[in-house]
Amino acid sequence: MCFLTMDLLELEFKTNPMENVLPCDGVVNYHGPILTAAEQRLYFNSLLSDVPWQHDELVMFGKHINTARKVAWYGDEGYAYAYSGATKHALPWSDILLELKARVEEHSRTSFNSCLLNLYHSGDEGMSWHSDDEDSLGTDPVIASLSLGAARKFSFKHKDKRKQKTEGVSVTLEEGSLLVMREGSQTHWLHSLPKTRKVNEPRINLTFRTMVTI
């Protein structure tokens, strides 16, 4: 069963990676910061300047749209990742990304072969409700999200409207923090990065994942 109460709305979770953020039908663990403040600043500045960022291209209602948000796609091989009507081919890992991948794998106890990076220039840019359930990610994928730069709210809501007793569950993703979405989280839940006027600083989000098809 799924019990959502008003106490879960806009809930700030303590740093306890064993605690499940979701009330039912899935597992999401928030590890809090896994990088020191100095480390996260170093990684943020390096990725901001060295990654070949490109505007994300989406296809909506038959039209090609370039988002304000920028992205980059890396992997063990030249994986083709298709989502929102567009296809990207993975770049080879950089040394810095391999360092971060190792840190994330250590904390999440999961191996990954690819990473989608997102650059949000300010709170004016966000991500609408969606789930990462593409066929190329396999059944019930594990996705680890590492946040660098500005802290942002990250929200979840159940796909079953009958279970949406509140507006959902939200977690503030701190700088250098890790969030891991596991069993059932993509099957039964949607997630989003809401826009906000309260944030004027950029954020880089690294979403490590495992491709099962090329």
N, C-alpha and C. Protein backbone atom coordinates (compact mmCIF):
# COMPACT_ATOMS: atom_id res chain seq x y z
N MET A 1 0.84 -1.20 0.00
CA MET A 1 0.00 0.00 0.00
C MET A 1 0.87 1.25 0.00
N CYS A 2 0.25 2.35 -0.38
CA CYS A 2 1.00 3.60 -0.49
C CYS A 2 0.35 4.64 0.40
N PHE A 3 1.07 5.10 1.40
CA PHE A 3 0.53 6.09 2.31
C PHE A 3 1.29 7.39 2.14
N LEU A 4 0.63 8.41 1.61
CA LEU A 4 1.21 9.72 1.46
C LEU A 4 0.43 10.69 2.33
N THR A 5 1.09 11.39 3.20
CA THR A 5 0.43 12.36 4.07
C THR A 5 1.02 13.73 3.82
N MET A 6 0.39 14.75 4.36
CA MET A 6 0.87 16.10 4.17
C MET A 6 2.25 16.30 4.80
N ASP A 7 2.64 15.42 5.75
CA ASP A 7 3.95 15.53 6.37
C ASP A 7 5.07 15.29 5.37
N LEU A 8 4.75 14.61 4.26
CA LEU A 8 5.76 14.29 3.26
C LEU A 8 5.96 15.41 2.25
N LEU A 9 5.07 16.36 2.22
CA LEU A 9 5.16 17.45 1.25
C LEU A 9 6.35 18.35 1.58
N GLU A 10 7.20 18.58 0.58
CA GLU A 10 8.36 19.44 0.74
C GLU A 10 9.26 18.95 1.87
N LEU A 11 9.35 17.65 2.09
CA LEU A 11 10.08 17.09 3.21
C LEU A 11 11.58 17.20 2.99
N GLU A 12 12.31 17.64 4.02
CA GLU A 12 13.76 17.70 3.99
C GLU A 12 14.29 16.45 4.66
N PHE A 13 14.95 15.56 3.91
CA PHE A 13 15.46 14.33 4.48
C PHE A 13 16.84 14.54 5.06
N LYS A 14 17.07 13.92 6.20
CA LYS A 14 18.39 13.92 6.80
C LYS A 14 19.31 13.02 5.96
N THR A 15 20.61 13.19 6.17
CA THR A 15 21.55 12.39 5.40
C THR A 15 21.61 10.99 5.98
N ASN A 16 20.82 10.10 5.46
CA ASN A 16 20.79 8.71 5.87
C ASN A 16 20.59 7.86 4.62
N PRO A 17 21.67 7.33 4.05
CA PRO A 17 21.54 6.60 2.78
C PRO A 17 20.71 5.33 2.89
N MET A 18 20.42 4.87 4.12
CA MET A 18 19.62 3.67 4.29
C MET A 18 18.13 3.99 4.30
N GLU A 19 17.78 5.25 4.42
CA GLU A 19 16.38 5.64 4.47
C GLU A 19 15.81 5.77 3.06
N ASN A 20 14.61 5.24 2.88
CA ASN A 20 13.94 5.33 1.59
C ASN A 20 13.16 6.63 1.52
N VAL A 21 13.48 7.45 0.53
CA VAL A 21 12.79 8.72 0.34
C VAL A 21 11.32 8.51 -0.03
N LEU A 22 11.06 7.46 -0.82
CA LEU A 22 9.71 7.20 -1.29
C LEU A 22 8.89 6.44 -0.24
N PRO A 23 7.59 6.71 -0.16
CA PRO A 23 6.74 6.03 0.82
C PRO A 23 6.32 4.63 0.40
N CYS A 24 6.43 4.31 -0.91
CA CYS A 24 5.99 3.01 -1.40
C CYS A 24 6.41 2.83 -2.85
N ASP A 25 6.28 1.60 -3.35
CA ASP A 25 6.39 1.29 -4.79
C ASP A 25 7.71 1.71 -5.42
N GLY A 26 8.76 1.79 -4.66
CA GLY A 26 10.05 2.17 -5.21
C GLY A 26 11.04 2.51 -4.12
N VAL A 27 12.32 2.59 -4.50
CA VAL A 27 13.38 2.90 -3.54
C VAL A 27 14.23 4.03 -4.09
N VAL A 28 14.37 5.10 -3.30
CA VAL A 28 15.27 6.20 -3.60
C VAL A 28 16.05 6.52 -2.33
N ASN A 29 17.37 6.51 -2.41
CA ASN A 29 18.22 6.78 -1.26
C ASN A 29 19.00 8.06 -1.46
N TYR A 30 18.95 8.95 -0.46
CA TYR A 30 19.69 10.20 -0.52
C TYR A 30 20.90 10.08 0.40
N HIS A 31 22.11 10.13 -0.19
CA HIS A 31 23.35 9.96 0.56
C HIS A 31 23.87 11.27 1.13
N GLY A 32 23.29 12.40 0.73
CA GLY A 32 23.85 13.68 1.12
C GLY A 32 25.17 13.92 0.40
N PRO A 33 25.95 14.91 0.83
CA PRO A 33 27.22 15.21 0.16
C PRO A 33 28.21 14.06 0.30
N ILE A 34 28.79 13.64 -0.83
CA ILE A 34 29.85 12.63 -0.82
C ILE A 34 31.18 13.27 -1.24
N LEU A 35 31.16 14.57 -1.52
CA LEU A 35 32.35 15.33 -1.84
C LEU A 35 32.51 16.46 -0.84
N THR A 36 33.73 16.83 -0.53
CA THR A 36 33.95 18.00 0.31
C THR A 36 33.61 19.25 -0.48
N ALA A 37 33.45 20.37 0.22
CA ALA A 37 33.14 21.62 -0.46
C ALA A 37 34.23 21.99 -1.46
N ALA A 38 35.48 21.76 -1.08
CA ALA A 38 36.60 22.08 -1.98
C ALA A 38 36.59 21.17 -3.20
N GLU A 39 36.32 19.90 -2.99
CA GLU A 39 36.27 18.96 -4.11
C GLU A 39 35.16 19.31 -5.09
N GLN A 40 33.98 19.57 -4.56
CA GLN A 40 32.86 19.83 -5.46
C GLN A 40 33.08 21.11 -6.27
N ARG A 41 33.71 22.13 -5.67
CA ARG A 41 34.01 23.35 -6.42
C ARG A 41 35.01 23.07 -7.53
N LEU A 42 36.03 22.26 -7.22
CA LEU A 42 37.04 21.92 -8.22
C LEU A 42 36.42 21.15 -9.38
N TYR A 43 35.62 20.13 -9.06
CA TYR A 43 34.97 19.34 -10.11
C TYR A 43 33.99 20.20 -10.91
N PHE A 44 33.22 21.03 -10.21
CA PHE A 44 32.24 21.87 -10.90
C PHE A 44 32.94 22.79 -11.92
N ASN A 45 33.98 23.50 -11.49
CA ASN A 45 34.68 24.43 -12.37
C ASN A 45 35.32 23.71 -13.55
N SER A 46 35.88 22.52 -13.31
CA SER A 46 36.52 21.76 -14.38
C SER A 46 35.50 21.31 -15.42
N LEU A 47 34.37 20.77 -14.95
CA LEU A 47 33.35 20.30 -15.89
C LEU A 47 32.70 21.46 -16.64
N LEU A 48 32.50 22.56 -15.95
CA LEU A 48 31.88 23.73 -16.59
C LEU A 48 32.70 24.22 -17.77
N SER A 49 34.02 24.18 -17.63
CA SER A 49 34.90 24.72 -18.68
C SER A 49 35.32 23.69 -19.71
N ASP A 50 35.41 22.41 -19.32
CA ASP A 50 36.00 21.40 -20.20
C ASP A 50 34.99 20.55 -20.97
N VAL A 51 33.78 20.41 -20.47
CA VAL A 51 32.78 19.58 -21.15
C VAL A 51 32.26 20.30 -22.40
N PRO A 52 32.14 19.62 -23.53
CA PRO A 52 31.59 20.24 -24.74
C PRO A 52 30.06 20.33 -24.67
N TRP A 53 29.59 21.23 -23.85
CA TRP A 53 28.16 21.36 -23.62
C TRP A 53 27.41 21.74 -24.90
N GLN A 54 26.22 21.15 -25.07
CA GLN A 54 25.36 21.50 -26.19
C GLN A 54 23.93 21.63 -25.69
N HIS A 55 23.17 22.51 -26.31
CA HIS A 55 21.76 22.63 -25.97
C HIS A 55 21.06 21.30 -26.25
N ASP A 56 20.21 20.89 -25.32
CA ASP A 56 19.48 19.64 -25.53
C ASP A 56 18.44 19.84 -26.62
N GLU A 57 18.35 18.87 -27.51
CA GLU A 57 17.39 18.93 -28.61
C GLU A 57 16.26 17.95 -28.36
N LEU A 58 15.04 18.44 -28.34
CA LEU A 58 13.87 17.61 -28.12
C LEU A 58 12.93 17.71 -29.31
N VAL A 59 12.11 16.70 -29.47
CA VAL A 59 11.09 16.72 -30.50
C VAL A 59 9.73 16.70 -29.81
N MET A 60 8.97 17.78 -29.94
CA MET A 60 7.66 17.89 -29.32
C MET A 60 6.63 18.28 -30.37
N PHE A 61 5.59 17.45 -30.49
CA PHE A 61 4.54 17.70 -31.47
C PHE A 61 5.11 17.88 -32.88
N GLY A 62 6.16 17.08 -33.17
CA GLY A 62 6.74 17.11 -34.49
C GLY A 62 7.71 18.24 -34.75
N LYS A 63 7.98 19.06 -33.73
CA LYS A 63 8.88 20.20 -33.90
C LYS A 63 10.16 19.99 -33.09
N HIS A 64 11.29 20.39 -33.66
CA HIS A 64 12.56 20.33 -32.96
C HIS A 64 12.71 21.56 -32.07
N ILE A 65 13.03 21.31 -30.81
CA ILE A 65 13.16 22.40 -29.84
C ILE A 65 14.52 22.29 -29.16
N ASN A 66 15.25 23.38 -29.09
CA ASN A 66 16.50 23.44 -28.35
C ASN A 66 16.24 24.05 -26.98
N THR A 67 16.61 23.34 -25.93
CA THR A 67 16.36 23.81 -24.57
C THR A 67 17.45 24.78 -24.13
N ALA A 68 17.12 25.60 -23.12
CA ALA A 68 18.13 26.48 -22.52
C ALA A 68 19.15 25.64 -21.76
N ARG A 69 18.68 24.56 -21.15
CA ARG A 69 19.57 23.62 -20.47
C ARG A 69 20.53 23.00 -21.47
N LYS A 70 21.77 22.75 -21.05
CA LYS A 70 22.74 22.11 -21.91
C LYS A 70 23.07 20.71 -21.38
N VAL A 71 23.52 19.84 -22.27
CA VAL A 71 23.78 18.45 -21.90
C VAL A 71 25.07 17.95 -22.54
N ALA A 72 25.54 16.80 -22.02
CA ALA A 72 26.63 16.06 -22.63
C ALA A 72 26.46 14.60 -22.24
N TRP A 73 26.87 13.69 -23.11
CA TRP A 73 26.62 12.26 -22.94
C TRP A 73 27.92 11.49 -23.10
N TYR A 74 28.31 10.72 -22.06
CA TYR A 74 29.57 9.98 -22.04
C TYR A 74 29.30 8.50 -21.77
N GLY A 75 30.25 7.62 -22.19
CA GLY A 75 30.06 6.21 -21.92
C GLY A 75 31.27 5.36 -22.24
N ASP A 76 31.21 4.09 -21.81
CA ASP A 76 32.28 3.14 -22.08
C ASP A 76 32.47 2.94 -23.57
N GLU A 77 31.37 2.98 -24.32
CA GLU A 77 31.40 2.85 -25.77
C GLU A 77 30.56 3.98 -26.35
N GLY A 78 30.46 4.01 -27.67
CA GLY A 78 29.70 5.07 -28.31
C GLY A 78 28.21 4.81 -28.27
N TYR A 79 27.69 4.55 -27.06
CA TYR A 79 26.28 4.22 -26.92
C TYR A 79 25.38 5.28 -27.54
N ALA A 80 24.34 4.83 -28.22
CA ALA A 80 23.33 5.75 -28.74
C ALA A 80 22.18 5.80 -27.74
N TYR A 81 21.88 6.99 -27.25
CA TYR A 81 20.84 7.16 -26.25
C TYR A 81 19.73 8.01 -26.86
N ALA A 82 18.55 7.40 -27.03
CA ALA A 82 17.42 8.08 -27.63
C ALA A 82 16.38 8.40 -26.57
N TYR A 83 16.01 9.68 -26.47
CA TYR A 83 14.95 10.10 -25.57
C TYR A 83 14.35 11.39 -26.10
N SER A 84 13.07 11.59 -25.83
CA SER A 84 12.34 12.79 -26.25
C SER A 84 12.50 13.06 -27.74
N GLY A 85 12.59 11.98 -28.53
CA GLY A 85 12.65 12.13 -29.97
C GLY A 85 14.01 12.46 -30.54
N ALA A 86 15.04 12.52 -29.69
CA ALA A 86 16.39 12.84 -30.16
C ALA A 86 17.35 11.72 -29.77
N THR A 87 18.45 11.58 -30.51
CA THR A 87 19.44 10.54 -30.24
C THR A 87 20.81 11.17 -30.05
N LYS A 88 21.53 10.72 -29.00
CA LYS A 88 22.87 11.21 -28.72
C LYS A 88 23.84 10.04 -28.73
N HIS A 89 25.11 10.29 -29.11
CA HIS A 89 26.13 9.26 -29.13
C HIS A 89 27.20 9.61 -28.09
N ALA A 90 27.55 8.62 -27.28
CA ALA A 90 28.40 8.87 -26.12
C ALA A 90 29.83 9.26 -26.49
N LEU A 91 30.37 10.23 -25.77
CA LEU A 91 31.76 10.62 -25.86
C LEU A 91 32.59 9.72 -24.94
N PRO A 92 33.89 9.58 -25.19
CA PRO A 92 34.74 8.80 -24.28
C PRO A 92 34.92 9.52 -22.94
N TRP A 93 35.06 8.74 -21.88
CA TRP A 93 35.22 9.30 -20.54
C TRP A 93 36.44 10.21 -20.44
N SER A 94 36.33 11.29 -19.67
CA SER A 94 37.49 12.09 -19.30
C SER A 94 38.02 11.56 -17.96
N ASP A 95 39.23 11.95 -17.58
CA ASP A 95 39.80 11.50 -16.31
C ASP A 95 38.94 11.95 -15.13
N ILE A 96 38.44 13.17 -15.19
CA ILE A 96 37.63 13.69 -14.09
C ILE A 96 36.32 12.91 -13.97
N LEU A 97 35.70 12.61 -15.09
CA LEU A 97 34.45 11.86 -15.04
C LEU A 97 34.67 10.45 -14.52
N LEU A 98 35.81 9.85 -14.84
CA LEU A 98 36.12 8.52 -14.32
C LEU A 98 36.34 8.57 -12.81
N GLU A 99 36.95 9.66 -12.32
CA GLU A 99 37.12 9.82 -10.88
C GLU A 99 35.76 9.91 -10.18
N LEU A 100 34.87 10.71 -10.73
CA LEU A 100 33.55 10.87 -10.14
C LEU A 100 32.74 9.58 -10.26
N LYS A 101 32.87 8.90 -11.36
CA LYS A 101 32.19 7.62 -11.56
C LYS A 101 32.60 6.63 -10.48
N ALA A 102 33.90 6.56 -10.18
CA ALA A 102 34.39 5.65 -9.15
C ALA A 102 33.83 6.00 -7.78
N ARG A 103 33.74 7.28 -7.47
CA ARG A 103 33.19 7.71 -6.18
C ARG A 103 31.72 7.33 -6.07
N VAL A 104 30.99 7.57 -7.14
CA VAL A 104 29.55 7.25 -7.15
C VAL A 104 29.33 5.74 -7.05
N GLU A 105 30.12 4.97 -7.76
CA GLU A 105 29.98 3.51 -7.71
C GLU A 105 30.30 2.97 -6.32
N GLU A 106 31.26 3.58 -5.66
CA GLU A 106 31.64 3.14 -4.31
C GLU A 106 30.48 3.35 -3.34
N HIS A 107 29.85 4.51 -3.40
CA HIS A 107 28.76 4.83 -2.47
C HIS A 107 27.47 4.10 -2.82
N SER A 108 27.20 3.96 -4.10
CA SER A 108 25.95 3.33 -4.53
C SER A 108 26.05 1.81 -4.61
N ARG A 109 27.29 1.29 -4.59
CA ARG A 109 27.54 -0.15 -4.73
C ARG A 109 26.92 -0.69 -6.02
N THR A 110 27.04 0.12 -7.07
CA THR A 110 26.50 -0.24 -8.38
C THR A 110 27.49 0.20 -9.46
N SER A 111 27.64 -0.59 -10.50
CA SER A 111 28.51 -0.23 -11.61
C SER A 111 27.70 0.44 -12.72
N PHE A 112 28.30 1.44 -13.37
CA PHE A 112 27.64 2.17 -14.44
C PHE A 112 28.54 2.22 -15.67
N ASN A 113 27.93 2.32 -16.84
CA ASN A 113 28.73 2.39 -18.07
C ASN A 113 28.50 3.66 -18.87
N SER A 114 27.73 4.59 -18.33
CA SER A 114 27.43 5.83 -19.06
C SER A 114 26.96 6.92 -18.11
N CYS A 115 26.95 8.14 -18.61
CA CYS A 115 26.55 9.28 -17.77
C CYS A 115 26.00 10.40 -18.66
N LEU A 116 24.83 10.88 -18.32
CA LEU A 116 24.24 12.05 -18.96
C LEU A 116 24.43 13.25 -18.03
N LEU A 117 25.11 14.28 -18.52
CA LEU A 117 25.35 15.49 -17.73
C LEU A 117 24.37 16.57 -18.15
N ASN A 118 23.86 17.29 -17.17
CA ASN A 118 22.96 18.42 -17.43
C ASN A 118 23.53 19.68 -16.80
N LEU A 119 23.48 20.78 -17.53
CA LEU A 119 23.91 22.07 -17.03
C LEU A 119 22.72 23.02 -16.98
N TYR A 120 22.35 23.41 -15.76
CA TYR A 120 21.27 24.37 -15.55
C TYR A 120 21.92 25.70 -15.14
N HIS A 121 21.73 26.73 -15.95
CA HIS A 121 22.43 27.98 -15.72
C HIS A 121 21.90 28.73 -14.51
N SER A 122 20.65 28.52 -14.17
CA SER A 122 20.03 29.16 -13.01
C SER A 122 18.72 28.45 -12.71
N GLY A 123 18.00 28.95 -11.70
CA GLY A 123 16.71 28.38 -11.36
C GLY A 123 15.65 28.59 -12.44
N ASP A 124 15.95 29.43 -13.43
CA ASP A 124 15.01 29.63 -14.54
C ASP A 124 14.92 28.39 -15.43
N GLU A 125 15.88 27.48 -15.28
CA GLU A 125 15.90 26.25 -16.08
C GLU A 125 15.63 25.05 -15.17
N GLY A 126 14.81 24.14 -15.65
CA GLY A 126 14.47 22.96 -14.86
C GLY A 126 14.17 21.79 -15.76
N MET A 127 13.53 20.77 -15.19
CA MET A 127 13.15 19.57 -15.92
C MET A 127 11.73 19.20 -15.56
N SER A 128 10.88 19.00 -16.55
CA SER A 128 9.48 18.67 -16.31
C SER A 128 9.34 17.22 -15.85
N TRP A 129 8.14 16.85 -15.45
CA TRP A 129 7.87 15.51 -14.94
C TRP A 129 8.20 14.44 -15.99
N HIS A 130 8.94 13.43 -15.58
CA HIS A 130 9.30 12.33 -16.48
C HIS A 130 9.84 11.17 -15.66
N SER A 131 10.05 10.05 -16.32
CA SER A 131 10.77 8.93 -15.73
C SER A 131 11.79 8.44 -16.73
N ASP A 132 12.90 7.90 -16.23
CA ASP A 132 13.96 7.40 -17.10
C ASP A 132 13.70 5.91 -17.34
N ASP A 133 12.79 5.64 -18.27
CA ASP A 133 12.36 4.25 -18.49
C ASP A 133 12.52 3.83 -19.95
N GLU A 134 13.50 4.41 -20.62
CA GLU A 134 13.75 4.04 -22.01
C GLU A 134 14.19 2.57 -22.09
N ASP A 135 13.87 1.90 -23.20
CA ASP A 135 14.23 0.50 -23.38
C ASP A 135 15.73 0.27 -23.27
N SER A 136 16.53 1.25 -23.70
CA SER A 136 17.98 1.10 -23.70
C SER A 136 18.56 1.01 -22.30
N LEU A 137 17.77 1.39 -21.28
CA LEU A 137 18.24 1.32 -19.89
C LEU A 137 17.85 0.02 -19.22
N GLY A 138 17.11 -0.82 -19.93
CA GLY A 138 16.72 -2.10 -19.37
C GLY A 138 15.52 -1.98 -18.44
N THR A 139 15.20 -3.09 -17.80
CA THR A 139 14.07 -3.14 -16.88
C THR A 139 14.48 -2.68 -15.49
N ASP A 140 13.75 -1.74 -14.94
CA ASP A 140 13.98 -1.27 -13.58
C ASP A 140 15.42 -0.80 -13.36
N PRO A 141 15.87 0.23 -14.08
CA PRO A 141 17.26 0.67 -13.99
C PRO A 141 17.59 1.36 -12.67
N VAL A 142 18.87 1.31 -12.31
CA VAL A 142 19.40 2.09 -11.19
C VAL A 142 20.07 3.32 -11.76
N ILE A 143 19.70 4.49 -11.28
CA ILE A 143 20.28 5.75 -11.77
C ILE A 143 20.79 6.54 -10.58
N ALA A 144 22.06 6.93 -10.64
CA ALA A 144 22.70 7.69 -9.57
C ALA A 144 22.91 9.13 -10.02
N SER A 145 22.42 10.07 -9.23
CA SER A 145 22.46 11.48 -9.60
C SER A 145 23.39 12.24 -8.65
N LEU A 146 24.48 12.78 -9.22
CA LEU A 146 25.45 13.56 -8.45
C LEU A 146 25.25 15.04 -8.77
N SER A 147 25.10 15.87 -7.74
CA SER A 147 24.82 17.29 -7.92
C SER A 147 26.04 18.13 -7.57
N LEU A 148 26.38 19.06 -8.47
CA LEU A 148 27.46 20.01 -8.24
C LEU A 148 26.91 21.42 -8.45
N GLY A 149 27.38 22.36 -7.65
CA GLY A 149 26.90 23.74 -7.79
C GLY A 149 25.70 24.01 -6.93
N ALA A 150 24.80 24.84 -7.41
CA ALA A 150 23.67 25.31 -6.62
C ALA A 150 22.78 24.17 -6.13
N ALA A 151 22.32 24.28 -4.89
CA ALA A 151 21.35 23.33 -4.35
C ALA A 151 20.01 23.56 -5.02
N ARG A 152 19.32 22.48 -5.36
CA ARG A 152 18.01 22.58 -6.01
C ARG A 152 17.05 21.55 -5.41
N LYS A 153 15.78 21.88 -5.47
CA LYS A 153 14.74 20.94 -5.04
C LYS A 153 14.49 19.92 -6.14
N PHE A 154 14.33 18.66 -5.74
CA PHE A 154 14.07 17.55 -6.66
C PHE A 154 12.81 16.86 -6.17
N SER A 155 11.83 16.71 -7.05
CA SER A 155 10.50 16.27 -6.63
C SER A 155 10.09 14.95 -7.27
N PHE A 156 9.23 14.21 -6.54
CA PHE A 156 8.68 12.95 -7.02
C PHE A 156 7.16 12.97 -6.89
N LYS A 157 6.47 12.34 -7.83
CA LYS A 157 5.04 12.09 -7.67
C LYS A 157 4.72 10.74 -8.30
N HIS A 158 3.75 10.04 -7.73
CA HIS A 158 3.39 8.71 -8.18
C HIS A 158 2.68 8.80 -9.53
N LYS A 159 2.90 7.80 -10.38
CA LYS A 159 2.23 7.78 -11.68
C LYS A 159 0.74 7.49 -11.55
N ASP A 160 0.36 6.78 -10.51
CA ASP A 160 -1.04 6.45 -10.26
C ASP A 160 -1.71 7.63 -9.57
N LYS A 161 -2.59 8.32 -10.27
CA LYS A 161 -3.21 9.51 -9.71
C LYS A 161 -4.01 9.22 -8.45
N ARG A 162 -4.45 7.97 -8.30
CA ARG A 162 -5.20 7.61 -7.09
C ARG A 162 -4.31 7.62 -5.87
N LYS A 163 -2.98 7.53 -6.08
CA LYS A 163 -2.05 7.52 -4.96
C LYS A 163 -1.39 8.88 -4.73
N GLN A 164 -1.80 9.87 -5.51
CA GLN A 164 -1.26 11.20 -5.34
C GLN A 164 -2.07 11.96 -4.29
N LYS A 165 -1.96 11.53 -3.05
CA LYS A 165 -2.71 12.15 -1.95
C LYS A 165 -2.21 13.54 -1.64
N THR A 166 -0.95 13.82 -1.98
CA THR A 166 -0.37 15.14 -1.83
C THR A 166 0.28 15.50 -3.15
N GLU A 167 0.99 16.60 -3.17
CA GLU A 167 1.70 16.99 -4.39
C GLU A 167 3.00 16.22 -4.56
N GLY A 168 3.32 15.33 -3.63
CA GLY A 168 4.48 14.48 -3.79
C GLY A 168 5.53 14.66 -2.72
N VAL A 169 6.70 14.10 -2.98
CA VAL A 169 7.83 14.14 -2.06
C VAL A 169 8.95 14.94 -2.71
N SER A 170 9.57 15.82 -1.95
CA SER A 170 10.67 16.63 -2.48
C SER A 170 11.89 16.54 -1.58
N VAL A 171 13.06 16.56 -2.20
CA VAL A 171 14.33 16.53 -1.50
C VAL A 171 15.18 17.68 -2.01
N THR A 172 15.86 18.40 -1.12
CA THR A 172 16.81 19.42 -1.54
C THR A 172 18.16 18.76 -1.78
N LEU A 173 18.63 18.79 -3.02
CA LEU A 173 19.89 18.18 -3.38
C LEU A 173 21.02 19.19 -3.14
N GLU A 174 21.82 18.91 -2.13
CA GLU A 174 22.89 19.81 -1.75
C GLU A 174 24.06 19.70 -2.72
N GLU A 175 24.98 20.67 -2.66
CA GLU A 175 26.16 20.62 -3.51
C GLU A 175 27.02 19.42 -3.13
N GLY A 176 27.46 18.68 -4.12
CA GLY A 176 28.28 17.51 -3.89
C GLY A 176 27.52 16.29 -3.39
N SER A 177 26.18 16.31 -3.50
CA SER A 177 25.37 15.23 -2.94
C SER A 177 25.03 14.17 -3.98
N LEU A 178 24.65 12.99 -3.46
CA LEU A 178 24.32 11.85 -4.30
C LEU A 178 22.92 11.35 -3.97
N LEU A 179 22.10 11.17 -5.00
CA LEU A 179 20.78 10.57 -4.89
C LEU A 179 20.74 9.35 -5.80
N VAL A 180 20.30 8.21 -5.28
CA VAL A 180 20.26 6.98 -6.07
C VAL A 180 18.82 6.49 -6.18
N MET A 181 18.34 6.39 -7.40
CA MET A 181 16.99 5.89 -7.68
C MET A 181 17.08 4.43 -8.05
N ARG A 182 16.35 3.57 -7.29
CA ARG A 182 16.47 2.13 -7.45
C ARG A 182 15.13 1.48 -7.79
N GLU A 183 14.93 0.30 -7.24
CA GLU A 183 13.82 -0.58 -7.58
C GLU A 183 12.46 0.14 -7.61
N GLY A 184 11.82 0.10 -8.76
CA GLY A 184 10.48 0.63 -8.91
C GLY A 184 10.37 2.13 -9.07
N SER A 185 11.46 2.85 -8.88
CA SER A 185 11.39 4.31 -8.91
C SER A 185 11.07 4.86 -10.29
N GLN A 186 11.51 4.19 -11.36
CA GLN A 186 11.19 4.64 -12.71
C GLN A 186 9.88 4.04 -13.21
N THR A 187 9.53 2.87 -12.67
CA THR A 187 8.30 2.20 -13.10
C THR A 187 7.06 2.88 -12.54
N HIS A 188 7.12 3.30 -11.29
CA HIS A 188 5.93 3.79 -10.60
C HIS A 188 5.94 5.29 -10.30
N TRP A 189 7.08 5.95 -10.48
CA TRP A 189 7.18 7.35 -10.08
C TRP A 189 7.68 8.24 -11.21
N LEU A 190 7.29 9.49 -11.17
CA LEU A 190 7.82 10.55 -12.02
C LEU A 190 8.69 11.46 -11.15
N HIS A 191 9.69 12.09 -11.75
CA HIS A 191 10.50 13.04 -11.01
C HIS A 191 10.72 14.30 -11.85
N SER A 192 11.06 15.38 -11.18
CA SER A 192 11.25 16.65 -11.87
C SER A 192 12.20 17.55 -11.09
N LEU A 193 12.76 18.54 -11.79
CA LEU A 193 13.55 19.60 -11.18
C LEU A 193 12.77 20.89 -11.39
N PRO A 194 11.98 21.33 -10.39
CA PRO A 194 11.12 22.51 -10.60
C PRO A 194 11.94 23.78 -10.81
N LYS A 195 11.44 24.66 -11.62
CA LYS A 195 12.05 25.97 -11.80
C LYS A 195 11.82 26.81 -10.54
N THR A 196 12.72 27.73 -10.27
CA THR A 196 12.59 28.59 -9.10
C THR A 196 13.32 29.91 -9.33
N ARG A 197 12.74 30.98 -8.84
CA ARG A 197 13.38 32.29 -8.93
C ARG A 197 14.36 32.53 -7.78
N LYS A 198 14.39 31.60 -6.84
CA LYS A 198 15.24 31.76 -5.67
C LYS A 198 16.69 31.37 -5.93
N VAL A 199 16.96 30.70 -7.05
CA VAL A 199 18.31 30.23 -7.36
C VAL A 199 18.85 30.97 -8.57
N ASN A 200 19.98 31.65 -8.38
CA ASN A 200 20.59 32.41 -9.47
C ASN A 200 21.92 31.82 -9.92
N GLU A 201 22.36 30.74 -9.28
CA GLU A 201 23.64 30.13 -9.59
C GLU A 201 23.45 28.88 -10.44
N PRO A 202 24.48 28.48 -11.21
CA PRO A 202 24.37 27.29 -12.05
C PRO A 202 24.50 25.99 -11.26
N ARG A 203 24.01 24.92 -11.84
CA ARG A 203 24.11 23.58 -11.26
C ARG A 203 24.45 22.60 -12.37
N ILE A 204 25.35 21.67 -12.06
CA ILE A 204 25.66 20.56 -12.96
C ILE A 204 25.18 19.28 -12.29
N ASN A 205 24.43 18.49 -13.04
CA ASN A 205 23.89 17.23 -12.56
C ASN A 205 24.45 16.10 -13.42
N LEU A 206 25.06 15.11 -12.78
CA LEU A 206 25.60 13.95 -13.48
C LEU A 206 24.73 12.75 -13.15
N THR A 207 24.09 12.17 -14.15
CA THR A 207 23.22 11.02 -13.92
C THR A 207 23.88 9.78 -14.51
N PHE A 208 24.45 8.98 -13.63
CA PHE A 208 25.13 7.75 -14.04
C PHE A 208 24.10 6.64 -14.23
N ARG A 209 24.26 5.88 -15.29
CA ARG A 209 23.28 4.86 -15.65
C ARG A 209 23.97 3.71 -16.40
N THR A 210 23.24 2.64 -16.67
CA THR A 210 23.78 1.49 -17.38
C THR A 210 22.96 1.22 -18.62
N MET A 211 23.61 1.35 -19.77
CA MET A 211 22.97 1.03 -21.04
C MET A 211 23.05 -0.46 -21.27
N VAL A 212 21.94 -1.06 -21.72
CA VAL A 212 21.92 -2.50 -21.98
C VAL A 212 21.88 -2.80 -23.47
N THR A 213 21.61 -1.77 -24.29
CA THR A 213 21.62 -1.93 -25.74
C THR A 213 22.39 -0.78 -26.35
N ILE A 214 22.93 -0.98 -27.52
CA ILE A 214 23.70 0.07 -28.21
C ILE A 214 22.89 0.60 -29.38
